[in-house]
């Protein structure tokens, strides 16, 4: 199942990525100053997926990508794809699994496991 992953950019802003079940990033969001703004947009995307518009583009280098737009607001930009078919598969994955996907938050700098002190 695909997953939303919340993390931080180098600028300390928050972002989310929509990652496929195989671990490939499909979408990357715009920057958010606060984490809850990120979470709100994820929930809005899940609820309004049927109204979403996927604007398709082609780079000067021949790569394909799309932008996800809901209610005239751009939420995220896809990764670059080598073919239109692969880009369509990314869109299909969004339509199939975004509504039921879980959210993982990796924005904290706390480590899950404390450092081990070795005794001599």
N, C-alpha and C. Protein backbone atom coordinates (compact mmCIF):
# COMPACT_ATOMS: atom_id res chain seq x y z
N UNK A 1 0.83 -1.18 0.00
CA UNK A 1 0.00 0.00 0.00
C UNK A 1 0.89 1.25 0.00
N UNK A 2 0.46 2.25 -0.72
CA UNK A 2 1.19 3.51 -0.76
C UNK A 2 1.04 4.25 0.57
N UNK A 3 1.96 5.17 0.83
CA UNK A 3 2.03 5.84 2.12
C UNK A 3 2.41 7.31 1.94
N UNK A 4 1.88 8.17 2.80
CA UNK A 4 2.35 9.54 2.90
C UNK A 4 3.48 9.57 3.91
N UNK A 5 4.57 10.22 3.57
CA UNK A 5 5.71 10.34 4.48
C UNK A 5 5.98 11.83 4.70
N UNK A 6 5.83 12.26 5.94
CA UNK A 6 6.11 13.66 6.30
C UNK A 6 7.55 13.75 6.77
N UNK A 7 8.27 14.73 6.24
CA UNK A 7 9.66 14.95 6.64
C UNK A 7 9.97 16.43 6.55
N UNK A 8 11.22 16.77 6.79
CA UNK A 8 11.64 18.18 6.73
C UNK A 8 12.60 18.39 5.57
N UNK A 9 12.52 19.58 5.01
CA UNK A 9 13.47 19.99 3.99
C UNK A 9 14.71 20.55 4.70
N UNK A 10 15.75 20.80 3.95
CA UNK A 10 16.96 21.39 4.53
C UNK A 10 16.68 22.77 5.12
N UNK A 11 15.67 23.46 4.58
CA UNK A 11 15.30 24.79 5.08
C UNK A 11 14.48 24.70 6.37
N UNK A 12 14.25 23.49 6.89
CA UNK A 12 13.48 23.22 8.10
C UNK A 12 11.97 23.30 7.89
N UNK A 13 11.52 23.53 6.65
CA UNK A 13 10.10 23.48 6.35
C UNK A 13 9.67 22.02 6.25
N UNK A 14 8.37 21.80 6.40
CA UNK A 14 7.83 20.45 6.29
C UNK A 14 7.42 20.17 4.85
N UNK A 15 7.39 18.90 4.50
CA UNK A 15 6.90 18.45 3.20
C UNK A 15 6.35 17.05 3.38
N UNK A 16 5.57 16.61 2.40
CA UNK A 16 5.17 15.21 2.39
C UNK A 16 5.47 14.63 1.03
N UNK A 17 5.70 13.34 1.03
CA UNK A 17 5.87 12.59 -0.20
C UNK A 17 4.84 11.48 -0.20
N UNK A 18 4.28 11.21 -1.36
CA UNK A 18 3.41 10.06 -1.52
C UNK A 18 4.26 8.98 -2.16
N UNK A 19 4.47 7.90 -1.42
CA UNK A 19 5.42 6.86 -1.81
C UNK A 19 4.66 5.58 -2.15
N UNK A 20 5.01 4.95 -3.27
CA UNK A 20 4.34 3.73 -3.69
C UNK A 20 4.69 2.58 -2.76
N UNK A 21 3.98 1.49 -2.91
CA UNK A 21 4.24 0.31 -2.07
C UNK A 21 5.62 -0.27 -2.33
N UNK A 22 6.22 0.07 -3.46
CA UNK A 22 7.57 -0.39 -3.78
C UNK A 22 8.65 0.58 -3.31
N UNK A 23 8.23 1.68 -2.67
CA UNK A 23 9.19 2.62 -2.12
C UNK A 23 9.59 3.76 -3.04
N UNK A 24 8.95 3.89 -4.20
CA UNK A 24 9.27 4.97 -5.14
C UNK A 24 8.41 6.18 -4.83
N UNK A 25 9.02 7.35 -4.81
CA UNK A 25 8.27 8.58 -4.60
C UNK A 25 7.45 8.88 -5.85
N UNK A 26 6.15 9.12 -5.64
CA UNK A 26 5.27 9.48 -6.75
C UNK A 26 5.06 10.99 -6.77
N UNK A 27 4.79 11.57 -5.61
CA UNK A 27 4.53 13.01 -5.47
C UNK A 27 5.38 13.61 -4.36
N UNK A 28 5.73 14.86 -4.52
CA UNK A 28 6.36 15.63 -3.45
C UNK A 28 5.59 16.94 -3.32
N UNK A 29 5.25 17.28 -2.10
CA UNK A 29 4.42 18.47 -1.85
C UNK A 29 5.24 19.75 -1.91
N UNK A 30 4.51 20.84 -1.81
CA UNK A 30 5.13 22.14 -1.61
C UNK A 30 5.64 22.21 -0.17
N UNK A 31 6.31 23.28 0.18
CA UNK A 31 6.82 23.45 1.55
C UNK A 31 5.73 23.99 2.46
N UNK A 32 5.79 23.56 3.72
CA UNK A 32 4.87 24.03 4.74
C UNK A 32 5.68 24.51 5.94
N UNK A 33 5.23 25.60 6.51
CA UNK A 33 5.93 26.13 7.68
C UNK A 33 5.63 25.29 8.93
N UNK A 34 4.39 24.79 9.03
CA UNK A 34 3.97 24.02 10.20
C UNK A 34 3.53 22.62 9.79
N UNK A 35 3.78 21.65 10.67
CA UNK A 35 3.45 20.27 10.36
C UNK A 35 1.95 20.05 10.19
N UNK A 36 1.14 20.71 11.01
CA UNK A 36 -0.30 20.48 10.92
C UNK A 36 -0.87 20.96 9.59
N UNK A 37 -0.24 21.97 8.96
CA UNK A 37 -0.67 22.40 7.62
C UNK A 37 -0.46 21.26 6.61
N UNK A 38 0.64 20.59 6.77
CA UNK A 38 0.97 19.44 5.94
C UNK A 38 -0.09 18.34 6.13
N UNK A 39 -0.41 18.05 7.36
CA UNK A 39 -1.39 17.01 7.67
C UNK A 39 -2.79 17.39 7.16
N UNK A 40 -3.15 18.67 7.27
CA UNK A 40 -4.45 19.13 6.78
C UNK A 40 -4.57 18.94 5.27
N UNK A 41 -3.51 19.27 4.54
CA UNK A 41 -3.54 19.12 3.09
C UNK A 41 -3.59 17.65 2.68
N UNK A 42 -2.94 16.79 3.42
CA UNK A 42 -3.04 15.36 3.14
C UNK A 42 -4.49 14.89 3.28
N UNK A 43 -5.14 15.29 4.37
CA UNK A 43 -6.53 14.89 4.58
C UNK A 43 -7.45 15.49 3.51
N UNK A 44 -7.21 16.72 3.12
CA UNK A 44 -8.01 17.35 2.07
C UNK A 44 -7.83 16.61 0.74
N UNK A 45 -6.60 16.21 0.44
CA UNK A 45 -6.35 15.46 -0.79
C UNK A 45 -7.08 14.12 -0.76
N UNK A 46 -7.05 13.44 0.37
CA UNK A 46 -7.73 12.16 0.47
C UNK A 46 -9.23 12.30 0.25
N UNK A 47 -9.83 13.34 0.85
CA UNK A 47 -11.27 13.54 0.76
C UNK A 47 -11.71 14.04 -0.62
N UNK A 48 -10.86 14.82 -1.28
CA UNK A 48 -11.24 15.47 -2.54
C UNK A 48 -10.58 14.85 -3.75
N UNK A 49 -10.16 13.63 -3.65
CA UNK A 49 -9.41 12.99 -4.74
C UNK A 49 -10.20 12.92 -6.04
N UNK A 50 -11.49 12.71 -5.95
CA UNK A 50 -12.31 12.61 -7.17
C UNK A 50 -12.39 13.93 -7.92
N UNK A 51 -12.17 15.05 -7.24
CA UNK A 51 -12.19 16.36 -7.89
C UNK A 51 -10.79 16.80 -8.36
N UNK A 52 -9.80 15.97 -8.11
CA UNK A 52 -8.42 16.33 -8.43
C UNK A 52 -8.21 16.43 -9.94
N UNK A 53 -7.36 17.37 -10.31
CA UNK A 53 -6.96 17.56 -11.70
C UNK A 53 -5.47 17.23 -11.77
N UNK A 54 -5.09 16.43 -12.74
CA UNK A 54 -3.69 16.09 -12.96
C UNK A 54 -3.22 16.81 -14.21
N UNK A 55 -2.50 17.90 -14.03
CA UNK A 55 -1.96 18.65 -15.18
C UNK A 55 -0.66 18.00 -15.60
N UNK A 56 -0.60 17.57 -16.84
CA UNK A 56 0.56 16.85 -17.36
C UNK A 56 1.49 17.80 -18.10
N UNK A 57 2.79 17.56 -17.92
CA UNK A 57 3.81 18.40 -18.54
C UNK A 57 4.93 17.54 -19.13
N UNK A 58 5.69 18.15 -20.01
CA UNK A 58 6.87 17.50 -20.57
C UNK A 58 8.04 18.48 -20.46
N UNK A 59 9.16 18.02 -19.92
CA UNK A 59 10.33 18.88 -19.77
C UNK A 59 11.03 19.03 -21.12
N UNK A 60 11.95 19.97 -21.20
CA UNK A 60 12.71 20.15 -22.43
C UNK A 60 13.61 18.95 -22.71
N UNK A 61 13.90 18.17 -21.67
CA UNK A 61 14.72 16.97 -21.82
C UNK A 61 13.92 15.73 -22.20
N UNK A 62 12.61 15.89 -22.37
CA UNK A 62 11.78 14.77 -22.79
C UNK A 62 11.18 13.93 -21.68
N UNK A 63 11.31 14.38 -20.43
CA UNK A 63 10.73 13.66 -19.29
C UNK A 63 9.30 14.16 -19.06
N UNK A 64 8.49 13.31 -18.43
CA UNK A 64 7.09 13.63 -18.18
C UNK A 64 6.84 13.74 -16.68
N UNK A 65 5.97 14.69 -16.30
CA UNK A 65 5.58 14.82 -14.90
C UNK A 65 4.20 15.46 -14.84
N UNK A 66 3.60 15.45 -13.66
CA UNK A 66 2.29 16.06 -13.49
C UNK A 66 2.22 16.82 -12.18
N UNK A 67 1.23 17.69 -12.10
CA UNK A 67 0.95 18.42 -10.86
C UNK A 67 -0.46 18.08 -10.43
N UNK A 68 -0.64 17.84 -9.14
CA UNK A 68 -1.95 17.52 -8.60
C UNK A 68 -2.59 18.80 -8.10
N UNK A 69 -3.76 19.12 -8.64
CA UNK A 69 -4.45 20.38 -8.31
C UNK A 69 -5.86 20.05 -7.84
N UNK A 70 -6.24 20.65 -6.71
CA UNK A 70 -7.60 20.52 -6.19
C UNK A 70 -8.08 21.92 -5.84
N UNK A 71 -9.27 22.27 -6.31
CA UNK A 71 -9.87 23.58 -6.06
C UNK A 71 -8.91 24.72 -6.41
N UNK A 72 -8.27 24.62 -7.55
CA UNK A 72 -7.37 25.63 -8.10
C UNK A 72 -6.10 25.84 -7.25
N UNK A 73 -5.80 24.90 -6.38
CA UNK A 73 -4.59 24.97 -5.56
C UNK A 73 -3.69 23.80 -5.91
N UNK A 74 -2.43 24.09 -6.18
CA UNK A 74 -1.46 23.03 -6.47
C UNK A 74 -0.98 22.44 -5.15
N UNK A 75 -1.11 21.12 -5.02
CA UNK A 75 -0.72 20.44 -3.79
C UNK A 75 0.64 19.78 -3.90
N UNK A 76 0.94 19.22 -5.07
CA UNK A 76 2.18 18.45 -5.20
C UNK A 76 2.58 18.32 -6.66
N UNK A 77 3.86 18.00 -6.83
CA UNK A 77 4.42 17.75 -8.16
C UNK A 77 4.99 16.35 -8.17
N UNK A 78 4.78 15.66 -9.26
CA UNK A 78 5.26 14.28 -9.35
C UNK A 78 6.75 14.24 -9.65
N UNK A 79 7.29 13.05 -9.54
CA UNK A 79 8.67 12.85 -9.98
C UNK A 79 8.67 12.85 -11.50
N UNK A 80 9.83 12.82 -12.10
CA UNK A 80 9.95 12.80 -13.56
C UNK A 80 9.90 11.35 -14.05
N UNK A 81 9.14 11.12 -15.10
CA UNK A 81 8.97 9.80 -15.69
C UNK A 81 9.57 9.79 -17.10
N UNK A 82 10.05 8.64 -17.52
CA UNK A 82 10.66 8.54 -18.85
C UNK A 82 9.62 8.39 -19.95
N UNK A 83 8.43 7.86 -19.62
CA UNK A 83 7.38 7.69 -20.63
C UNK A 83 6.04 8.15 -20.09
N UNK A 84 5.12 8.42 -21.00
CA UNK A 84 3.77 8.80 -20.60
C UNK A 84 3.05 7.65 -19.91
N UNK A 85 3.34 6.42 -20.32
CA UNK A 85 2.73 5.25 -19.71
C UNK A 85 3.12 5.13 -18.24
N UNK A 86 4.40 5.33 -17.92
CA UNK A 86 4.83 5.28 -16.52
C UNK A 86 4.20 6.40 -15.71
N UNK A 87 4.06 7.58 -16.32
CA UNK A 87 3.40 8.69 -15.63
C UNK A 87 1.95 8.33 -15.33
N UNK A 88 1.26 7.71 -16.29
CA UNK A 88 -0.12 7.30 -16.08
C UNK A 88 -0.22 6.25 -14.99
N UNK A 89 0.75 5.36 -14.90
CA UNK A 89 0.76 4.37 -13.82
C UNK A 89 0.89 5.04 -12.46
N UNK A 90 1.67 6.12 -12.37
CA UNK A 90 1.77 6.88 -11.12
C UNK A 90 0.43 7.49 -10.75
N UNK A 91 -0.27 8.05 -11.73
CA UNK A 91 -1.59 8.64 -11.48
C UNK A 91 -2.57 7.54 -11.05
N UNK A 92 -2.51 6.39 -11.72
CA UNK A 92 -3.39 5.27 -11.36
C UNK A 92 -3.15 4.80 -9.93
N UNK A 93 -1.88 4.78 -9.51
CA UNK A 93 -1.55 4.39 -8.13
C UNK A 93 -2.16 5.38 -7.14
N UNK A 94 -2.13 6.66 -7.47
CA UNK A 94 -2.74 7.68 -6.61
C UNK A 94 -4.23 7.42 -6.49
N UNK A 95 -4.89 7.23 -7.62
CA UNK A 95 -6.34 7.04 -7.61
C UNK A 95 -6.74 5.75 -6.88
N UNK A 96 -5.92 4.74 -6.95
CA UNK A 96 -6.22 3.45 -6.35
C UNK A 96 -5.99 3.44 -4.84
N UNK A 97 -4.96 4.13 -4.35
CA UNK A 97 -4.58 3.90 -2.95
C UNK A 97 -4.46 5.14 -2.07
N UNK A 98 -4.63 6.34 -2.61
CA UNK A 98 -4.42 7.52 -1.77
C UNK A 98 -5.43 7.63 -0.63
N UNK A 99 -6.69 7.34 -0.90
CA UNK A 99 -7.73 7.50 0.12
C UNK A 99 -7.51 6.62 1.34
N UNK A 100 -6.91 5.46 1.16
CA UNK A 100 -6.75 4.52 2.27
C UNK A 100 -5.31 4.46 2.78
N UNK A 101 -4.44 5.30 2.26
CA UNK A 101 -3.03 5.24 2.66
C UNK A 101 -2.83 5.83 4.05
N UNK A 102 -1.81 5.32 4.73
CA UNK A 102 -1.49 5.81 6.07
C UNK A 102 -0.46 6.94 5.97
N UNK A 103 -0.29 7.65 7.08
CA UNK A 103 0.64 8.77 7.15
C UNK A 103 1.74 8.41 8.15
N UNK A 104 2.98 8.51 7.69
CA UNK A 104 4.14 8.29 8.57
C UNK A 104 4.84 9.62 8.76
N UNK A 105 5.18 9.94 9.99
CA UNK A 105 5.81 11.23 10.30
C UNK A 105 7.27 11.01 10.68
N UNK A 106 8.18 11.41 9.79
CA UNK A 106 9.61 11.33 10.06
C UNK A 106 10.22 12.72 10.20
N UNK A 107 9.40 13.69 10.59
CA UNK A 107 9.88 15.07 10.69
C UNK A 107 10.63 15.36 11.97
N UNK A 108 10.50 14.51 12.96
CA UNK A 108 11.18 14.73 14.23
C UNK A 108 12.65 14.34 14.11
N UNK A 109 13.48 15.06 14.81
CA UNK A 109 14.91 14.74 14.80
C UNK A 109 15.28 13.80 15.94
N UNK A 110 14.29 13.38 16.71
CA UNK A 110 14.55 12.44 17.80
C UNK A 110 14.87 11.07 17.22
N UNK A 111 15.82 10.41 17.80
CA UNK A 111 16.17 9.08 17.35
C UNK A 111 15.31 8.05 18.07
N UNK A 112 14.94 7.02 17.36
CA UNK A 112 14.08 5.97 17.93
C UNK A 112 14.84 5.14 18.96
N UNK A 113 16.14 4.98 18.74
CA UNK A 113 16.94 4.17 19.65
C UNK A 113 18.03 5.03 20.27
N UNK A 114 18.10 5.06 21.58
CA UNK A 114 19.16 5.86 22.22
C UNK A 114 20.53 5.26 21.96
N UNK A 115 21.54 6.10 22.03
CA UNK A 115 22.90 5.62 21.84
C UNK A 115 23.30 4.71 23.00
N UNK A 116 24.04 3.68 22.67
CA UNK A 116 24.50 2.72 23.67
C UNK A 116 25.86 3.15 24.17
N UNK A 117 25.99 3.17 25.48
CA UNK A 117 27.30 3.49 26.04
C UNK A 117 27.99 2.15 26.37
N UNK A 118 29.20 2.02 25.90
CA UNK A 118 29.95 0.80 26.14
C UNK A 118 30.78 0.96 27.41
N UNK A 119 30.81 -0.12 28.19
CA UNK A 119 31.59 -0.10 29.41
C UNK A 119 32.87 -0.91 29.17
N UNK A 120 33.97 -0.44 29.74
CA UNK A 120 35.26 -1.15 29.60
C UNK A 120 35.40 -2.24 30.61
